[in-house]
Amino acid sequence: MKYASVIEKTETGYSAYVPDLPGLGVAGETLEEIRQLLREAVAFHLEGLREDGQPIPPATVEIEYVEAAA
């Protein structure tokens, strides 16, 4: 399953979250770091849900890019 993530530039690096997995968010200094942290956080989050007998949320968020006139 693939979940959409939102990565935002901050004053000190980047922050990211996964809309379909409430409470999951990470912060890092580089895009490479943030992507690695996201992979680890999603795996950890889903493992915790399984261990607790909770349902795995479906991936429902879709990504669409919108062009804007400059």
N, C-alpha and C. Protein backbone atom coordinates (compact mmCIF):
# COMPACT_ATOMS: atom_id res chain seq x y z
N MET A 1 0.85 -1.17 0.00
CA MET A 1 0.00 0.00 0.00
C MET A 1 0.90 1.24 0.00
N LYS A 2 0.51 2.24 -0.74
CA LYS A 2 1.26 3.49 -0.79
C LYS A 2 0.40 4.60 -0.18
N TYR A 3 0.99 5.32 0.77
CA TYR A 3 0.32 6.46 1.39
C TYR A 3 0.92 7.75 0.84
N ALA A 4 0.07 8.74 0.61
CA ALA A 4 0.54 10.06 0.22
C ALA A 4 1.11 10.76 1.44
N SER A 5 2.18 11.50 1.24
CA SER A 5 2.75 12.30 2.32
C SER A 5 2.87 13.74 1.87
N VAL A 6 2.88 14.64 2.83
CA VAL A 6 3.05 16.06 2.56
C VAL A 6 4.37 16.48 3.19
N ILE A 7 5.26 17.02 2.36
CA ILE A 7 6.55 17.49 2.84
C ILE A 7 6.58 19.00 2.67
N GLU A 8 6.90 19.70 3.76
CA GLU A 8 6.91 21.16 3.75
C GLU A 8 8.28 21.68 4.16
N LYS A 9 8.75 22.70 3.47
CA LYS A 9 10.01 23.36 3.81
C LYS A 9 9.76 24.23 5.04
N THR A 10 10.69 24.17 6.00
CA THR A 10 10.61 25.01 7.20
C THR A 10 11.86 25.88 7.28
N GLU A 11 11.94 26.71 8.28
CA GLU A 11 13.12 27.57 8.46
C GLU A 11 14.37 26.75 8.75
N THR A 12 14.21 25.58 9.36
CA THR A 12 15.37 24.79 9.76
C THR A 12 15.54 23.49 8.97
N GLY A 13 14.67 23.24 8.00
CA GLY A 13 14.76 21.99 7.23
C GLY A 13 13.43 21.66 6.61
N TYR A 14 12.88 20.51 7.02
CA TYR A 14 11.62 20.04 6.45
C TYR A 14 10.77 19.36 7.53
N SER A 15 9.46 19.39 7.32
CA SER A 15 8.55 18.61 8.14
C SER A 15 7.65 17.84 7.19
N ALA A 16 7.11 16.74 7.66
CA ALA A 16 6.26 15.92 6.81
C ALA A 16 5.23 15.18 7.64
N TYR A 17 4.11 14.87 7.00
CA TYR A 17 3.07 14.08 7.65
C TYR A 17 2.33 13.25 6.61
N VAL A 18 1.58 12.27 7.09
CA VAL A 18 0.80 11.38 6.22
C VAL A 18 -0.67 11.57 6.60
N PRO A 19 -1.46 12.24 5.74
CA PRO A 19 -2.85 12.54 6.09
C PRO A 19 -3.69 11.32 6.47
N ASP A 20 -3.42 10.17 5.87
CA ASP A 20 -4.21 8.97 6.17
C ASP A 20 -3.80 8.29 7.48
N LEU A 21 -2.72 8.76 8.10
CA LEU A 21 -2.25 8.18 9.36
C LEU A 21 -2.16 9.29 10.40
N PRO A 22 -3.29 9.67 10.99
CA PRO A 22 -3.31 10.76 11.96
C PRO A 22 -2.28 10.56 13.07
N GLY A 23 -1.60 11.64 13.40
CA GLY A 23 -0.62 11.59 14.48
C GLY A 23 0.79 11.27 14.00
N LEU A 24 0.93 10.92 12.73
CA LEU A 24 2.25 10.59 12.21
C LEU A 24 2.86 11.82 11.56
N GLY A 25 3.96 12.28 12.14
CA GLY A 25 4.67 13.43 11.59
C GLY A 25 6.15 13.31 11.92
N VAL A 26 6.98 13.85 11.03
CA VAL A 26 8.42 13.81 11.23
C VAL A 26 9.02 15.16 10.83
N ALA A 27 10.25 15.41 11.29
CA ALA A 27 10.99 16.61 10.92
C ALA A 27 12.44 16.23 10.70
N GLY A 28 13.07 16.88 9.74
CA GLY A 28 14.47 16.61 9.45
C GLY A 28 15.12 17.78 8.75
N GLU A 29 16.43 17.68 8.56
CA GLU A 29 17.19 18.78 7.97
C GLU A 29 17.25 18.74 6.45
N THR A 30 17.18 17.54 5.85
CA THR A 30 17.30 17.41 4.40
C THR A 30 16.14 16.59 3.84
N LEU A 31 15.92 16.70 2.54
CA LEU A 31 14.87 15.89 1.91
C LEU A 31 15.18 14.41 2.03
N GLU A 32 16.45 14.04 1.86
CA GLU A 32 16.83 12.64 1.98
C GLU A 32 16.51 12.11 3.38
N GLU A 33 16.83 12.91 4.39
CA GLU A 33 16.55 12.50 5.77
C GLU A 33 15.05 12.39 6.01
N ILE A 34 14.28 13.35 5.52
CA ILE A 34 12.84 13.35 5.77
C ILE A 34 12.18 12.15 5.10
N ARG A 35 12.65 11.79 3.92
CA ARG A 35 12.08 10.63 3.23
C ARG A 35 12.39 9.33 3.98
N GLN A 36 13.60 9.22 4.49
CA GLN A 36 13.96 8.03 5.28
C GLN A 36 13.15 7.97 6.57
N LEU A 37 13.01 9.11 7.24
CA LEU A 37 12.23 9.16 8.48
C LEU A 37 10.77 8.80 8.22
N LEU A 38 10.22 9.25 7.09
CA LEU A 38 8.83 8.91 6.75
C LEU A 38 8.67 7.41 6.57
N ARG A 39 9.59 6.78 5.81
CA ARG A 39 9.50 5.33 5.61
C ARG A 39 9.53 4.59 6.94
N GLU A 40 10.45 4.99 7.82
CA GLU A 40 10.57 4.34 9.12
C GLU A 40 9.34 4.59 9.98
N ALA A 41 8.84 5.82 9.97
CA ALA A 41 7.69 6.17 10.81
C ALA A 41 6.42 5.44 10.36
N VAL A 42 6.21 5.33 9.05
CA VAL A 42 5.03 4.62 8.54
C VAL A 42 5.10 3.15 8.95
N ALA A 43 6.27 2.54 8.74
CA ALA A 43 6.43 1.12 9.11
C ALA A 43 6.18 0.92 10.61
N PHE A 44 6.73 1.79 11.43
CA PHE A 44 6.56 1.70 12.88
C PHE A 44 5.10 1.89 13.28
N HIS A 45 4.46 2.87 12.67
CA HIS A 45 3.06 3.18 12.97
C HIS A 45 2.16 1.98 12.63
N LEU A 46 2.34 1.43 11.43
CA LEU A 46 1.52 0.30 11.01
C LEU A 46 1.79 -0.93 11.87
N GLU A 47 3.04 -1.14 12.26
CA GLU A 47 3.37 -2.26 13.14
C GLU A 47 2.65 -2.12 14.48
N GLY A 48 2.63 -0.90 15.01
CA GLY A 48 1.94 -0.65 16.27
C GLY A 48 0.45 -0.90 16.16
N LEU A 49 -0.16 -0.49 15.06
CA LEU A 49 -1.59 -0.74 14.86
C LEU A 49 -1.87 -2.23 14.83
N ARG A 50 -1.03 -2.98 14.10
CA ARG A 50 -1.21 -4.43 14.02
C ARG A 50 -1.10 -5.08 15.39
N GLU A 51 -0.06 -4.68 16.14
CA GLU A 51 0.15 -5.26 17.47
C GLU A 51 -1.02 -4.97 18.40
N ASP A 52 -1.64 -3.80 18.22
CA ASP A 52 -2.78 -3.42 19.07
C ASP A 52 -4.10 -3.95 18.54
N GLY A 53 -4.06 -4.69 17.43
CA GLY A 53 -5.29 -5.24 16.86
C GLY A 53 -6.16 -4.20 16.19
N GLN A 54 -5.58 -3.07 15.83
CA GLN A 54 -6.34 -1.99 15.20
C GLN A 54 -6.33 -2.17 13.68
N PRO A 55 -7.35 -1.67 13.01
CA PRO A 55 -7.38 -1.78 11.55
C PRO A 55 -6.33 -0.87 10.91
N ILE A 56 -5.82 -1.30 9.79
CA ILE A 56 -4.87 -0.49 9.02
C ILE A 56 -5.69 0.46 8.14
N PRO A 57 -5.50 1.78 8.29
CA PRO A 57 -6.29 2.73 7.49
C PRO A 57 -5.99 2.57 6.00
N PRO A 58 -7.01 2.64 5.18
CA PRO A 58 -6.77 2.59 3.74
C PRO A 58 -6.12 3.88 3.27
N ALA A 59 -5.40 3.79 2.18
CA ALA A 59 -4.83 4.98 1.57
C ALA A 59 -5.92 5.65 0.75
N THR A 60 -6.38 6.81 1.18
CA THR A 60 -7.49 7.47 0.50
C THR A 60 -7.10 8.81 -0.12
N VAL A 61 -6.01 9.40 0.33
CA VAL A 61 -5.60 10.71 -0.16
C VAL A 61 -4.99 10.57 -1.54
N GLU A 62 -5.42 11.41 -2.45
CA GLU A 62 -4.87 11.44 -3.81
C GLU A 62 -4.08 12.72 -3.99
N ILE A 63 -3.02 12.62 -4.76
CA ILE A 63 -2.18 13.78 -5.05
C ILE A 63 -2.53 14.30 -6.43
N GLU A 64 -2.75 15.59 -6.51
CA GLU A 64 -2.99 16.22 -7.80
C GLU A 64 -2.24 17.54 -7.81
N TYR A 65 -1.49 17.75 -8.85
CA TYR A 65 -0.76 19.00 -9.00
C TYR A 65 -1.59 19.96 -9.83
N VAL A 66 -1.64 21.20 -9.41
CA VAL A 66 -2.43 22.21 -10.09
C VAL A 66 -1.47 23.27 -10.64
N GLU A 67 -1.58 23.53 -11.92
CA GLU A 67 -0.73 24.56 -12.52
C GLU A 67 -1.35 25.93 -12.24
N ALA A 68 -0.48 26.85 -11.93
CA ALA A 68 -0.93 28.21 -11.68
C ALA A 68 -0.16 29.14 -12.60
N ALA A 69 -0.85 30.15 -13.09
CA ALA A 69 -0.18 31.14 -13.93
C ALA A 69 0.80 31.92 -13.07
N ALA A 70 1.96 32.19 -13.62
CA ALA A 70 2.99 32.93 -12.86
C ALA A 70 2.71 34.40 -12.84
